[in-house]
Structure formats: structure tokens, C-alpha cells
Amino acid sequence: MSPPAIVRIDATDSLPATQDRPRPDRLVAGNPLRQTWLLHEAGPMSAGVWACEVGRWRIVFPPTRQEYFHVLSGRVRLHGPAGPTDIGPGQGGVIPPGFEGEFEVIEPVRKQFVLVDMP
């Protein structure tokens, strides 16, 4: 048995993306196309690259899920109970467990993400 290999979270050129749009009942503005390249899944963690057009929708994170992300290009704004938070190229953020608010893509965005589902 060979040892586990390191997974690069930027190698999306040769892989097809999963495409979707926000649910209609959650849309606030626009109807953005979202693309996800899931590059790693192991136990409670998944990681990959996500890209999205301009738009805004409501999000509700379960109390058992959190996300770290790093913006490669574009700009997002998260609207939460403490007010809006802007995150742009070279910056990262954490969406904490139980977060309820709105996710807004201000400029077409591409980000790396890590999702962790806790027991």
C-alpha cells in the first residue's frame, strides 16, 4: 500500500466543475452561477476551489459545519449579525458553525475552501 499523496488545491484545469445556483427561496439579488471543484474528501473535511458570479443569497450553516476560505480573486461580503465583512484577494475568512446571514459576491470570485463537519 502506498502512502497518502499530497493534494494540491489549485489544480482544476483538467477537472469538470459541479455547477449550481442558489435556491430561489434564498436569493436576494441576481441568480449567480456557482462552480465547485471538490479536490479532497476525508472524514469530516472536504476542500477545493469555488467560483461564482455576482449575486447575493441567504446562508444558514448548521451548528456542526464551519468553513475556512481564501479569496484568490474577486471580492465577497458576508452580512451577519455584527454587520458586513468584506474579504478580497489574498485574504481569508472563517464562516463559523451556526452562522446565519447573507453571502454576497461583489466581484466575480474564485476561492479555495475547507469545510469541516463536526460530530
PDB file of N, CA and C in Angstrom:
ATOM      1  N   MET A   1       0.840  -1.179   0.000  1.00  0.00           N
ATOM      2  CA  MET A   1       0.000   0.000   0.000  1.00  0.00           C
ATOM      3  C   MET A   1       0.887   1.245   0.000  1.00  0.00           C
ATOM      4  N   SER A   2       0.605   2.175  -0.895  1.00  0.00           N
ATOM      5  CA  SER A   2       1.417   3.392  -0.976  1.00  0.00           C
ATOM      6  C   SER A   2       0.914   4.433   0.031  1.00  0.00           C
ATOM      7  N   PRO A   3       1.806   5.301   0.486  1.00  0.00           N
ATOM      8  CA  PRO A   3       1.402   6.324   1.445  1.00  0.00           C
ATOM      9  C   PRO A   3       0.467   7.340   0.783  1.00  0.00           C
ATOM     10  N   PRO A   4      -0.338   8.021   1.576  1.00  0.00           N
ATOM     11  CA  PRO A   4      -1.250   9.030   1.008  1.00  0.00           C
ATOM     12  C   PRO A   4      -0.471  10.123   0.287  1.00  0.00           C
ATOM     13  N   ALA A   5      -1.033  10.644  -0.779  1.00  0.00           N
ATOM     14  CA  ALA A   5      -0.393  11.693  -1.567  1.00  0.00           C
ATOM     15  C   ALA A   5      -0.877  13.072  -1.114  1.00  0.00           C
ATOM     16  N   ILE A   6      -0.021  14.051  -1.266  1.00  0.00           N
ATOM     17  CA  ILE A   6      -0.391  15.436  -1.014  1.00  0.00           C
ATOM     18  C   ILE A   6      -1.363  15.872  -2.111  1.00  0.00           C
ATOM     19  N   VAL A   7      -2.400  16.600  -1.738  1.00  0.00           N
ATOM     20  CA  VAL A   7      -3.402  17.079  -2.694  1.00  0.00           C
ATOM     21  C   VAL A   7      -3.198  18.572  -2.899  1.00  0.00           C
ATOM     22  N   ARG A   8      -3.004  18.969  -4.134  1.00  0.00           N
ATOM     23  CA  ARG A   8      -2.913  20.406  -4.449  1.00  0.00           C
ATOM     24  C   ARG A   8      -4.317  20.961  -4.599  1.00  0.00           C
ATOM     25  N   ILE A   9      -4.563  22.081  -3.966  1.00  0.00           N
ATOM     26  CA  ILE A   9      -5.894  22.696  -4.024  1.00  0.00           C
ATOM     27  C   ILE A   9      -5.844  23.889  -4.988  1.00  0.00           C
ATOM     28  N   ASP A  10      -5.341  23.638  -6.171  1.00  0.00           N
ATOM     29  CA  ASP A  10      -5.340  24.649  -7.226  1.00  0.00           C
ATOM     30  C   ASP A  10      -5.385  24.013  -8.612  1.00  0.00           C
ATOM     31  N   ALA A  11      -5.314  22.715  -8.675  1.00  0.00           N
ATOM     32  CA  ALA A  11      -5.219  22.004  -9.951  1.00  0.00           C
ATOM     33  C   ALA A  11      -6.614  21.681 -10.488  1.00  0.00           C
ATOM     34  N   THR A  12      -7.277  22.696 -11.060  1.00  0.00           N
ATOM     35  CA  THR A  12      -8.643  22.494 -11.547  1.00  0.00           C
ATOM     36  C   THR A  12      -8.758  22.475 -13.063  1.00  0.00           C
ATOM     37  N   ASP A  13      -7.682  22.801 -13.775  1.00  0.00           N
ATOM     38  CA  ASP A  13      -7.749  22.964 -15.230  1.00  0.00           C
ATOM     39  C   ASP A  13      -8.288  21.746 -15.971  1.00  0.00           C
ATOM     40  N   SER A  14      -7.948  20.561 -15.514  1.00  0.00           N
ATOM     41  CA  SER A  14      -8.356  19.360 -16.250  1.00  0.00           C
ATOM     42  C   SER A  14      -9.587  18.684 -15.646  1.00  0.00           C
ATOM     43  N   LEU A  15     -10.194  19.305 -14.636  1.00  0.00           N
ATOM     44  CA  LEU A  15     -11.340  18.690 -13.964  1.00  0.00           C
ATOM     45  C   LEU A  15     -12.634  19.425 -14.258  1.00  0.00           C
ATOM     46  N   PRO A  16     -13.731  18.693 -14.445  1.00  0.00           N
ATOM     47  CA  PRO A  16     -15.019  19.367 -14.619  1.00  0.00           C
ATOM     48  C   PRO A  16     -15.515  19.909 -13.272  1.00  0.00           C
ATOM     49  N   ALA A  17     -16.216  21.004 -13.326  1.00  0.00           N
ATOM     50  CA  ALA A  17     -16.793  21.600 -12.116  1.00  0.00           C
ATOM     51  C   ALA A  17     -18.238  21.155 -11.958  1.00  0.00           C
ATOM     52  N   THR A  18     -18.668  21.061 -10.710  1.00  0.00           N
ATOM     53  CA  THR A  18     -20.090  20.921 -10.420  1.00  0.00           C
ATOM     54  C   THR A  18     -20.672  22.327 -10.469  1.00  0.00           C
ATOM     55  N   GLN A  19     -21.795  22.494 -11.178  1.00  0.00           N
ATOM     56  CA  GLN A  19     -22.395  23.816 -11.303  1.00  0.00           C
ATOM     57  C   GLN A  19     -23.767  23.837 -10.645  1.00  0.00           C
ATOM     58  N   ASP A  20     -24.067  24.960  -9.993  1.00  0.00           N
ATOM     59  CA  ASP A  20     -25.399  25.150  -9.433  1.00  0.00           C
ATOM     60  C   ASP A  20     -25.663  26.639  -9.273  1.00  0.00           C
ATOM     61  N   ARG A  21     -26.835  26.946  -8.773  1.00  0.00           N
ATOM     62  CA  ARG A  21     -27.245  28.313  -8.466  1.00  0.00           C
ATOM     63  C   ARG A  21     -27.912  28.284  -7.088  1.00  0.00           C
ATOM     64  N   PRO A  22     -27.965  29.430  -6.407  1.00  0.00           N
ATOM     65  CA  PRO A  22     -28.646  29.443  -5.102  1.00  0.00           C
ATOM     66  C   PRO A  22     -30.112  29.045  -5.254  1.00  0.00           C
ATOM     67  N   ARG A  23     -30.640  28.446  -4.206  1.00  0.00           N
ATOM     68  CA  ARG A  23     -32.064  28.091  -4.218  1.00  0.00           C
ATOM     69  C   ARG A  23     -32.904  29.371  -4.380  1.00  0.00           C
ATOM     70  N   PRO A  24     -33.962  29.309  -5.174  1.00  0.00           N
ATOM     71  CA  PRO A  24     -34.789  30.509  -5.405  1.00  0.00           C
ATOM     72  C   PRO A  24     -35.310  31.146  -4.110  1.00  0.00           C
ATOM     73  N   ASP A  25     -35.645  30.334  -3.115  1.00  0.00           N
ATOM     74  CA  ASP A  25     -36.178  30.894  -1.866  1.00  0.00           C
ATOM     75  C   ASP A  25     -35.107  31.589  -1.028  1.00  0.00           C
ATOM     76  N   ARG A  26     -33.839  31.470  -1.409  1.00  0.00           N
ATOM     77  CA  ARG A  26     -32.748  32.128  -0.671  1.00  0.00           C
ATOM     78  C   ARG A  26     -32.152  33.312  -1.422  1.00  0.00           C
ATOM     79  N   LEU A  27     -32.527  33.489  -2.689  1.00  0.00           N
ATOM     80  CA  LEU A  27     -31.962  34.574  -3.494  1.00  0.00           C
ATOM     81  C   LEU A  27     -32.365  35.934  -2.944  1.00  0.00           C
ATOM     82  N   VAL A  28     -31.393  36.847  -2.920  1.00  0.00           N
ATOM     83  CA  VAL A  28     -31.639  38.238  -2.542  1.00  0.00           C
ATOM     84  C   VAL A  28     -31.425  39.131  -3.770  1.00  0.00           C
ATOM     85  N   ALA A  29     -30.362  38.844  -4.556  1.00  0.00           N
ATOM     86  CA  ALA A  29     -30.074  39.622  -5.760  1.00  0.00           C
ATOM     87  C   ALA A  29     -29.361  38.735  -6.774  1.00  0.00           C
ATOM     88  N   GLY A  30     -29.745  38.886  -8.042  1.00  0.00           N
ATOM     89  CA  GLY A  30     -29.118  38.115  -9.111  1.00  0.00           C
ATOM     90  C   GLY A  30     -29.527  36.648  -9.061  1.00  0.00           C
ATOM     91  N   ASN A  31     -28.866  35.868  -9.888  1.00  0.00           N
ATOM     92  CA  ASN A  31     -29.043  34.410  -9.913  1.00  0.00           C
ATOM     93  C   ASN A  31     -27.710  33.806 -10.358  1.00  0.00           C
ATOM     94  N   PRO A  32     -26.671  33.959  -9.513  1.00  0.00           N
ATOM     95  CA  PRO A  32     -25.311  33.641  -9.942  1.00  0.00           C
ATOM     96  C   PRO A  32     -25.046  32.157 -10.164  1.00  0.00           C
ATOM     97  N   LEU A  33     -24.261  31.893 -11.208  1.00  0.00           N
ATOM     98  CA  LEU A  33     -23.762  30.544 -11.454  1.00  0.00           C
ATOM     99  C   LEU A  33     -22.592  30.309 -10.514  1.00  0.00           C
ATOM    100  N   ARG A  34     -22.638  29.167  -9.802  1.00  0.00           N
ATOM    101  CA  ARG A  34     -21.565  28.782  -8.888  1.00  0.00           C
ATOM    102  C   ARG A  34     -20.922  27.519  -9.428  1.00  0.00           C
ATOM    103  N   GLN A  35     -19.586  27.455  -9.349  1.00  0.00           N
ATOM    104  CA  GLN A  35     -18.840  26.286  -9.794  1.00  0.00           C
ATOM    105  C   GLN A  35     -17.973  25.780  -8.652  1.00  0.00           C
ATOM    106  N   THR A  36     -17.990  24.474  -8.441  1.00  0.00           N
ATOM    107  CA  THR A  36     -17.209  23.870  -7.362  1.00  0.00           C
ATOM    108  C   THR A  36     -16.358  22.742  -7.916  1.00  0.00           C
ATOM    109  N   TRP A  37     -15.074  22.788  -7.569  1.00  0.00           N
ATOM    110  CA  TRP A  37     -14.148  21.703  -7.866  1.00  0.00           C
ATOM    111  C   TRP A  37     -13.795  21.074  -6.525  1.00  0.00           C
ATOM    112  N   LEU A  38     -14.379  19.940  -6.201  1.00  0.00           N
ATOM    113  CA  LEU A  38     -14.090  19.239  -4.959  1.00  0.00           C
ATOM    114  C   LEU A  38     -12.842  18.392  -5.185  1.00  0.00           C
ATOM    115  N   LEU A  39     -11.759  18.752  -4.509  1.00  0.00           N
ATOM    116  CA  LEU A  39     -10.471  18.121  -4.769  1.00  0.00           C
ATOM    117  C   LEU A  39     -10.036  17.158  -3.680  1.00  0.00           C
ATOM    118  N   HIS A  40     -10.682  17.203  -2.524  1.00  0.00           N
ATOM    119  CA  HIS A  40     -10.286  16.333  -1.417  1.00  0.00           C
ATOM    120  C   HIS A  40     -11.472  16.111  -0.489  1.00  0.00           C
ATOM    121  N   GLU A  41     -11.674  14.855  -0.099  1.00  0.00           N
ATOM    122  CA  GLU A  41     -12.668  14.489   0.914  1.00  0.00           C
ATOM    123  C   GLU A  41     -12.062  13.389   1.769  1.00  0.00           C
ATOM    124  N   ALA A  42     -12.062  13.605   3.078  1.00  0.00           N
ATOM    125  CA  ALA A  42     -11.568  12.590   4.005  1.00  0.00           C
ATOM    126  C   ALA A  42     -12.202  12.851   5.363  1.00  0.00           C
ATOM    127  N   GLY A  43     -12.941  11.886   5.830  1.00  0.00           N
ATOM    128  CA  GLY A  43     -13.585  12.044   7.130  1.00  0.00           C
ATOM    129  C   GLY A  43     -14.462  13.281   7.160  1.00  0.00           C
ATOM    130  N   PRO A  44     -14.266  14.133   8.168  1.00  0.00           N
ATOM    131  CA  PRO A  44     -15.147  15.290   8.311  1.00  0.00           C
ATOM    132  C   PRO A  44     -14.723  16.505   7.481  1.00  0.00           C
ATOM    133  N   MET A  45     -13.668  16.367   6.663  1.00  0.00           N
ATOM    134  CA  MET A  45     -13.133  17.518   5.935  1.00  0.00           C
ATOM    135  C   MET A  45     -13.238  17.348   4.435  1.00  0.00           C
ATOM    136  N   SER A  46     -13.563  18.457   3.766  1.00  0.00           N
ATOM    137  CA  SER A  46     -13.503  18.496   2.306  1.00  0.00           C
ATOM    138  C   SER A  46     -12.859  19.814   1.908  1.00  0.00           C
ATOM    139  N   ALA A  47     -12.214  19.828   0.738  1.00  0.00           N
ATOM    140  CA  ALA A  47     -11.505  21.021   0.287  1.00  0.00           C
ATOM    141  C   ALA A  47     -11.545  21.097  -1.224  1.00  0.00           C
ATOM    142  N   GLY A  48     -11.453  22.320  -1.719  1.00  0.00           N
ATOM    143  CA  GLY A  48     -11.459  22.510  -3.154  1.00  0.00           C
ATOM    144  C   GLY A  48     -11.414  23.966  -3.537  1.00  0.00           C
ATOM    145  N   VAL A  49     -11.908  24.228  -4.749  1.00  0.00           N
ATOM    146  CA  VAL A  49     -11.946  25.576  -5.308  1.00  0.00           C
ATOM    147  C   VAL A  49     -13.388  25.878  -5.675  1.00  0.00           C
ATOM    148  N   TRP A  50     -13.780  27.124  -5.448  1.00  0.00           N
ATOM    149  CA  TRP A  50     -15.151  27.561  -5.726  1.00  0.00           C
ATOM    150  C   TRP A  50     -15.096  28.876  -6.471  1.00  0.00           C
ATOM    151  N   ALA A  51     -15.921  29.027  -7.502  1.00  0.00           N
ATOM    152  CA  ALA A  51     -16.007  30.270  -8.272  1.00  0.00           C
ATOM    153  C   ALA A  51     -17.469  30.657  -8.398  1.00  0.00           C
ATOM    154  N   CYS A  52     -17.734  31.970  -8.463  1.00  0.00           N
ATOM    155  CA  CYS A  52     -19.123  32.421  -8.515  1.00  0.00           C
ATOM    156  C   CYS A  52     -19.229  33.780  -9.179  1.00  0.00           C
ATOM    157  N   GLU A  53     -20.358  33.972  -9.869  1.00  0.00           N
ATOM    158  CA  GLU A  53     -20.701  35.256 -10.469  1.00  0.00           C
ATOM    159  C   GLU A  53     -21.269  36.183  -9.388  1.00  0.00           C
ATOM    160  N   VAL A  54     -21.464  37.435  -9.748  1.00  0.00           N
ATOM    161  CA  VAL A  54     -22.022  38.431  -8.826  1.00  0.00           C
ATOM    162  C   VAL A  54     -23.450  38.053  -8.442  1.00  0.00           C
ATOM    163  N   GLY A  55     -23.771  38.193  -7.159  1.00  0.00           N
ATOM    164  CA  GLY A  55     -25.113  37.919  -6.648  1.00  0.00           C
ATOM    165  C   GLY A  55     -25.106  37.903  -5.136  1.00  0.00           C
ATOM    166  N   ARG A  56     -26.280  37.674  -4.564  1.00  0.00           N
ATOM    167  CA  ARG A  56     -26.416  37.662  -3.098  1.00  0.00           C
ATOM    168  C   ARG A  56     -27.536  36.693  -2.710  1.00  0.00           C
ATOM    169  N   TRP A  57     -27.283  35.902  -1.637  1.00  0.00           N
ATOM    170  CA  TRP A  57     -28.272  34.938  -1.169  1.00  0.00           C
ATOM    171  C   TRP A  57     -28.088  34.694   0.326  1.00  0.00           C
ATOM    172  N   ARG A  58     -29.134  34.194   0.931  1.00  0.00           N
ATOM    173  CA  ARG A  58     -29.105  33.874   2.361  1.00  0.00           C
ATOM    174  C   ARG A  58     -28.416  32.530   2.572  1.00  0.00           C
ATOM    175  N   ILE A  59     -27.619  32.446   3.655  1.00  0.00           N
ATOM    176  CA  ILE A  59     -26.976  31.184   4.019  1.00  0.00           C
ATOM    177  C   ILE A  59     -27.276  30.865   5.483  1.00  0.00           C
ATOM    178  N   VAL A  60     -27.365  29.589   5.758  1.00  0.00           N
ATOM    179  CA  VAL A  60     -27.566  29.096   7.124  1.00  0.00           C
ATOM    180  C   VAL A  60     -26.631  27.907   7.304  1.00  0.00           C
ATOM    181  N   PHE A  61     -25.636  28.066   8.160  1.00  0.00           N
ATOM    182  CA  PHE A  61     -24.706  26.977   8.440  1.00  0.00           C
ATOM    183  C   PHE A  61     -25.242  26.175   9.620  1.00  0.00           C
ATOM    184  N   PRO A  62     -25.247  24.860   9.526  1.00  0.00           N
ATOM    185  CA  PRO A  62     -25.643  24.050  10.680  1.00  0.00           C
ATOM    186  C   PRO A  62     -24.643  24.256  11.825  1.00  0.00           C
ATOM    187  N   PRO A  63     -25.033  23.954  13.051  1.00  0.00           N
ATOM    188  CA  PRO A  63     -24.115  24.120  14.179  1.00  0.00           C
ATOM    189  C   PRO A  63     -22.930  23.154  14.142  1.00  0.00           C
ATOM    190  N   THR A  64     -22.946  22.221  13.218  1.00  0.00           N
ATOM    191  CA  THR A  64     -21.859  21.238  13.111  1.00  0.00           C
ATOM    192  C   THR A  64     -20.934  21.490  11.928  1.00  0.00           C
ATOM    193  N   ARG A  65     -21.126  22.599  11.190  1.00  0.00           N
ATOM    194  CA  ARG A  65     -20.317  22.858   9.989  1.00  0.00           C
ATOM    195  C   ARG A  65     -19.641  24.220  10.093  1.00  0.00           C
ATOM    196  N   GLN A  66     -18.380  24.268   9.647  1.00  0.00           N
ATOM    197  CA  GLN A  66     -17.665  25.532   9.538  1.00  0.00           C
ATOM    198  C   GLN A  66     -16.825  25.507   8.271  1.00  0.00           C
ATOM    199  N   GLU A  67     -16.477  26.699   7.806  1.00  0.00           N
ATOM    200  CA  GLU A  67     -15.690  26.802   6.571  1.00  0.00           C
ATOM    201  C   GLU A  67     -14.586  27.834   6.735  1.00  0.00           C
ATOM    202  N   TYR A  68     -13.389  27.459   6.314  1.00  0.00           N
ATOM    203  CA  TYR A  68     -12.299  28.409   6.113  1.00  0.00           C
ATOM    204  C   TYR A  68     -12.178  28.599   4.607  1.00  0.00           C
ATOM    205  N   PHE A  69     -11.979  29.854   4.161  1.00  0.00           N
ATOM    206  CA  PHE A  69     -11.751  30.087   2.740  1.00  0.00           C
ATOM    207  C   PHE A  69     -10.711  31.179   2.546  1.00  0.00           C
ATOM    208  N   HIS A  70     -10.070  31.132   1.375  1.00  0.00           N
ATOM    209  CA  HIS A  70      -9.043  32.103   0.992  1.00  0.00           C
ATOM    210  C   HIS A  70      -9.407  32.605  -0.398  1.00  0.00           C
ATOM    211  N   VAL A  71      -9.631  33.911  -0.533  1.00  0.00           N
ATOM    212  CA  VAL A  71     -10.026  34.501  -1.814  1.00  0.00           C
ATOM    213  C   VAL A  71      -8.790  34.651  -2.707  1.00  0.00           C
ATOM    214  N   LEU A  72      -8.870  34.066  -3.889  1.00  0.00           N
ATOM    215  CA  LEU A  72      -7.794  34.166  -4.874  1.00  0.00           C
ATOM    216  C   LEU A  72      -7.988  35.386  -5.770  1.00  0.00           C
ATOM    217  N   SER A  73      -9.241  35.626  -6.162  1.00  0.00           N
ATOM    218  CA  SER A  73      -9.566  36.794  -6.986  1.00  0.00           C
ATOM    219  C   SER A  73     -11.020  37.165  -6.731  1.00  0.00           C
ATOM    220  N   GLY A  74     -11.334  38.431  -6.950  1.00  0.00           N
ATOM    221  CA  GLY A  74     -12.690  38.903  -6.720  1.00  0.00           C
ATOM    222  C   GLY A  74     -12.873  39.395  -5.301  1.00  0.00           C
ATOM    223  N   ARG A  75     -14.145  39.595  -4.937  1.00  0.00           N
ATOM    224  CA  ARG A  75     -14.445  40.145  -3.615  1.00  0.00           C
ATOM    225  C   ARG A  75     -15.813  39.643  -3.161  1.00  0.00           C
ATOM    226  N   VAL A  76     -15.880  39.250  -1.876  1.00  0.00           N
ATOM    227  CA  VAL A  76     -17.142  38.825  -1.280  1.00  0.00           C
ATOM    228  C   VAL A  76     -17.441  39.691  -0.048  1.00  0.00           C
ATOM    229  N   ARG A  77     -18.704  39.720   0.314  1.00  0.00           N
ATOM    230  CA  ARG A  77     -19.138  40.398   1.538  1.00  0.00           C
ATOM    231  C   ARG A  77     -20.089  39.451   2.256  1.00  0.00           C
ATOM    232  N   LEU A  78     -19.781  39.165   3.518  1.00  0.00           N
ATOM    233  CA  LEU A  78     -20.672  38.364   4.349  1.00  0.00           C
ATOM    234  C   LEU A  78     -21.439  39.303   5.267  1.00  0.00           C
ATOM    235  N   HIS A  79     -22.752  39.180   5.238  1.00  0.00           N
ATOM    236  CA  HIS A  79     -23.621  40.009   6.065  1.00  0.00           C
ATOM    237  C   HIS A  79     -24.080  39.148   7.234  1.00  0.00           C
ATOM    238  N   GLY A  80     -23.654  39.522   8.437  1.00  0.00           N
ATOM    239  CA  GLY A  80     -24.017  38.758   9.628  1.00  0.00           C
ATOM    240  C   GLY A  80     -24.553  39.660  10.717  1.00  0.00           C
ATOM    241  N   PRO A  81     -24.831  39.082  11.873  1.00  0.00           N
ATOM    242  CA  PRO A  81     -25.391  39.849  12.982  1.00  0.00           C
ATOM    243  C   PRO A  81     -24.512  41.028  13.416  1.00  0.00           C
ATOM    244  N   ALA A  82     -23.183  40.933  13.232  1.00  0.00           N
ATOM    245  CA  ALA A  82     -22.278  42.004  13.645  1.00  0.00           C
ATOM    246  C   ALA A  82     -22.051  43.022  12.526  1.00  0.00           C
ATOM    247  N   GLY A  83     -22.748  42.880  11.391  1.00  0.00           N
ATOM    248  CA  GLY A  83     -22.562  43.776  10.259  1.00  0.00           C
ATOM    249  C   GLY A  83     -21.818  43.089   9.133  1.00  0.00           C
ATOM    250  N   PRO A  84     -21.539  43.848   8.042  1.00  0.00           N
ATOM    251  CA  PRO A  84     -20.883  43.243   6.881  1.00  0.00           C
ATOM    252  C   PRO A  84     -19.375  43.101   7.066  1.00  0.00           C
ATOM    253  N   THR A  85     -18.819  42.055   6.443  1.00  0.00           N
ATOM    254  CA  THR A  85     -17.376  41.820   6.420  1.00  0.00           C
ATOM    255  C   THR A  85     -16.968  41.588   4.972  1.00  0.00           C
ATOM    256  N   ASP A  86     -16.065  42.420   4.461  1.00  0.00           N
ATOM    257  CA  ASP A  86     -15.557  42.277   3.094  1.00  0.00           C
ATOM    258  C   ASP A  86     -14.268  41.467   3.114  1.00  0.00           C
ATOM    259  N   ILE A  87     -14.119  40.573   2.133  1.00  0.00           N
ATOM    260  CA  ILE A  87     -12.911  39.759   2.006  1.00  0.00           C
ATOM    261  C   ILE A  87     -12.527  39.742   0.532  1.00  0.00           C
ATOM    262  N   GLY A  88     -11.269  40.130   0.258  1.00  0.00           N
ATOM    263  CA  GLY A  88     -10.800  40.230  -1.117  1.00  0.00           C
ATOM    264  C   GLY A  88      -9.564  39.397  -1.365  1.00  0.00           C
ATOM    265  N   PRO A  89      -8.932  39.601  -2.518  1.00  0.00           N
ATOM    266  CA  PRO A  89      -7.775  38.800  -2.919  1.00  0.00           C
ATOM    267  C   PRO A  89      -6.677  38.777  -1.854  1.00  0.00           C
ATOM    268  N   GLY A  90      -6.195  37.578  -1.571  1.00  0.00           N
ATOM    269  CA  GLY A  90      -5.137  37.410  -0.587  1.00  0.00           C
ATOM    270  C   GLY A  90      -5.634  37.363   0.846  1.00  0.00           C
ATOM    271  N   GLN A  91      -6.928  37.510   1.055  1.00  0.00           N
ATOM    272  CA  GLN A  91      -7.491  37.481   2.407  1.00  0.00           C
ATOM    273  C   GLN A  91      -8.288  36.205   2.608  1.00  0.00           C
ATOM    274  N   GLY A  92      -8.414  35.807   3.856  1.00  0.00           N
ATOM    275  CA  GLY A  92      -9.182  34.611   4.197  1.00  0.00           C
ATOM    276  C   GLY A  92     -10.219  34.932   5.241  1.00  0.00           C
ATOM    277  N   GLY A  93     -11.119  33.995   5.433  1.00  0.00           N
ATOM    278  CA  GLY A  93     -12.152  34.157   6.442  1.00  0.00           C
ATOM    279  C   GLY A  93     -12.662  32.812   6.916  1.00  0.00           C
ATOM    280  N   VAL A  94     -13.352  32.848   8.040  1.00  0.00           N
ATOM    281  CA  VAL A  94     -13.992  31.653   8.591  1.00  0.00           C
ATOM    282  C   VAL A  94     -15.473  31.947   8.751  1.00  0.00           C
ATOM    283  N   ILE A  95     -16.293  31.059   8.213  1.00  0.00           N
ATOM    284  CA  ILE A  95     -17.727  31.097   8.478  1.00  0.00           C
ATOM    285  C   ILE A  95     -17.944  30.118   9.626  1.00  0.00           C
ATOM    286  N   PRO A  96     -18.326  30.627  10.796  1.00  0.00           N
ATOM    287  CA  PRO A  96     -18.391  29.774  11.980  1.00  0.00           C
ATOM    288  C   PRO A  96     -19.624  28.878  12.000  1.00  0.00           C
ATOM    289  N   PRO A  97     -19.586  27.843  12.832  1.00  0.00           N
ATOM    290  CA  PRO A  97     -20.755  26.974  12.983  1.00  0.00           C
ATOM    291  C   PRO A  97     -21.972  27.796  13.402  1.00  0.00           C
ATOM    292  N   GLY A  98     -23.117  27.481  12.811  1.00  0.00           N
ATOM    293  CA  GLY A  98     -24.367  28.140  13.167  1.00  0.00           C
ATOM    294  C   GLY A  98     -24.558  29.519  12.573  1.00  0.00           C
ATOM    295  N   PHE A  99     -23.652  29.965  11.688  1.00  0.00           N
ATOM    296  CA  PHE A  99     -23.773  31.299  11.091  1.00  0.00           C
ATOM    297  C   PHE A  99     -25.035  31.400  10.250  1.00  0.00           C
ATOM    298  N   GLU A 100     -25.769  32.485  10.424  1.00  0.00           N
ATOM    299  CA  GLU A 100     -26.925  32.799   9.586  1.00  0.00           C
ATOM    300  C   GLU A 100     -26.763  34.217   9.086  1.00  0.00           C
ATOM    301  N   GLY A 101     -26.866  34.396   7.794  1.00  0.00           N
ATOM    302  CA  GLY A 101     -26.716  35.724   7.218  1.00  0.00           C
ATOM    303  C   GLY A 101     -26.845  35.656   5.715  1.00  0.00           C
ATOM    304  N   GLU A 102     -26.106  36.532   5.044  1.00  0.00           N
ATOM    305  CA  GLU A 102     -26.142  36.573   3.592  1.00  0.00           C
ATOM    306  C   GLU A 102     -24.726  36.559   3.036  1.00  0.00           C
ATOM    307  N   PHE A 103     -24.572  35.859   1.917  1.00  0.00           N
ATOM    308  CA  PHE A 103     -23.302  35.781   1.194  1.00  0.00           C
ATOM    309  C   PHE A 103     -23.477  36.599  -0.069  1.00  0.00           C
ATOM    310  N   GLU A 104     -22.621  37.597  -0.254  1.00  0.00           N
ATOM    311  CA  GLU A 104     -22.706  38.467  -1.428  1.00  0.00           C
ATOM    312  C   GLU A 104     -21.394  38.417  -2.193  1.00  0.00           C
ATOM    313  N   VAL A 105     -21.487  38.171  -3.487  1.00  0.00           N
ATOM    314  CA  VAL A 105     -20.331  38.240  -4.368  1.00  0.00           C
ATOM    315  C   VAL A 105     -20.389  39.605  -5.037  1.00  0.00           C
ATOM    316  N   ILE A 106     -19.425  40.465  -4.688  1.00  0.00           N
ATOM    317  CA  ILE A 106     -19.387  41.832  -5.197  1.00  0.00           C
ATOM    318  C   ILE A 106     -18.688  41.888  -6.546  1.00  0.00           C
ATOM    319  N   GLU A 107     -17.618  41.113  -6.693  1.00  0.00           N
ATOM    320  CA  GLU A 107     -16.890  40.956  -7.951  1.00  0.00           C
ATOM    321  C   GLU A 107     -16.756  39.456  -8.182  1.00  0.00           C
ATOM    322  N   PRO A 108     -16.869  38.978  -9.423  1.00  0.00           N
ATOM    323  CA  PRO A 108     -16.726  37.534  -9.647  1.00  0.00           C
ATOM    324  C   PRO A 108     -15.554  36.992  -8.834  1.00  0.00           C
ATOM    325  N   VAL A 109     -15.811  35.907  -8.113  1.00  0.00           N
ATOM    326  CA  VAL A 109     -14.846  35.421  -7.130  1.00  0.00           C
ATOM    327  C   VAL A 109     -14.370  34.015  -7.447  1.00  0.00           C
ATOM    328  N   ARG A 110     -13.151  33.748  -7.030  1.00  0.00           N
ATOM    329  CA  ARG A 110     -12.571  32.397  -7.049  1.00  0.00           C
ATOM    330  C   ARG A 110     -11.870  32.247  -5.708  1.00  0.00           C
ATOM    331  N   LYS A 111     -12.211  31.176  -4.996  1.00  0.00           N
ATOM    332  CA  LYS A 111     -11.621  30.979  -3.664  1.00  0.00           C
ATOM    333  C   LYS A 111     -11.302  29.518  -3.445  1.00  0.00           C
ATOM    334  N   GLN A 112     -10.350  29.272  -2.561  1.00  0.00           N
ATOM    335  CA  GLN A 112     -10.085  27.929  -2.057  1.00  0.00           C
ATOM    336  C   GLN A 112     -10.883  27.792  -0.765  1.00  0.00           C
ATOM    337  N   PHE A 113     -11.399  26.595  -0.514  1.00  0.00           N
ATOM    338  CA  PHE A 113     -12.202  26.402   0.689  1.00  0.00           C
ATOM    339  C   PHE A 113     -11.857  25.098   1.385  1.00  0.00           C
ATOM    340  N   VAL A 114     -12.100  25.089   2.685  1.00  0.00           N
ATOM    341  CA  VAL A 114     -12.007  23.880   3.503  1.00  0.00           C
ATOM    342  C   VAL A 114     -13.268  23.854   4.362  1.00  0.00           C
ATOM    343  N   LEU A 115     -14.063  22.822   4.216  1.00  0.00           N
ATOM    344  CA  LEU A 115     -15.257  22.606   5.040  1.00  0.00           C
ATOM    345  C   LEU A 115     -14.973  21.517   6.066  1.00  0.00           C
ATOM    346  N   VAL A 116     -15.407  21.742   7.283  1.00  0.00           N
ATOM    347  CA  VAL A 116     -15.256  20.748   8.333  1.00  0.00           C
ATOM    348  C   VAL A 116     -16.620  20.503   8.960  1.00  0.00           C
ATOM    349  N   ASP A 117     -17.053  19.247   8.932  1.00  0.00           N
ATOM    350  CA  ASP A 117     -18.307  18.839   9.567  1.00  0.00           C
ATOM    351  C   ASP A 117     -17.934  18.129  10.862  1.00  0.00           C
ATOM    352  N   MET A 118     -18.358  18.712  11.976  1.00  0.00           N
ATOM    353  CA  MET A 118     -18.031  18.182  13.290  1.00  0.00           C
ATOM    354  C   MET A 118     -19.132  17.227  13.755  1.00  0.00           C
ATOM    355  N   PRO A 119     -18.785  16.283  14.617  1.00  0.00           N
ATOM    356  CA  PRO A 119     -19.824  15.358  15.110  1.00  0.00           C
ATOM    357  C   PRO A 119     -20.835  16.074  15.999  1.00  0.00           C
TER     358      PRO A 119
END
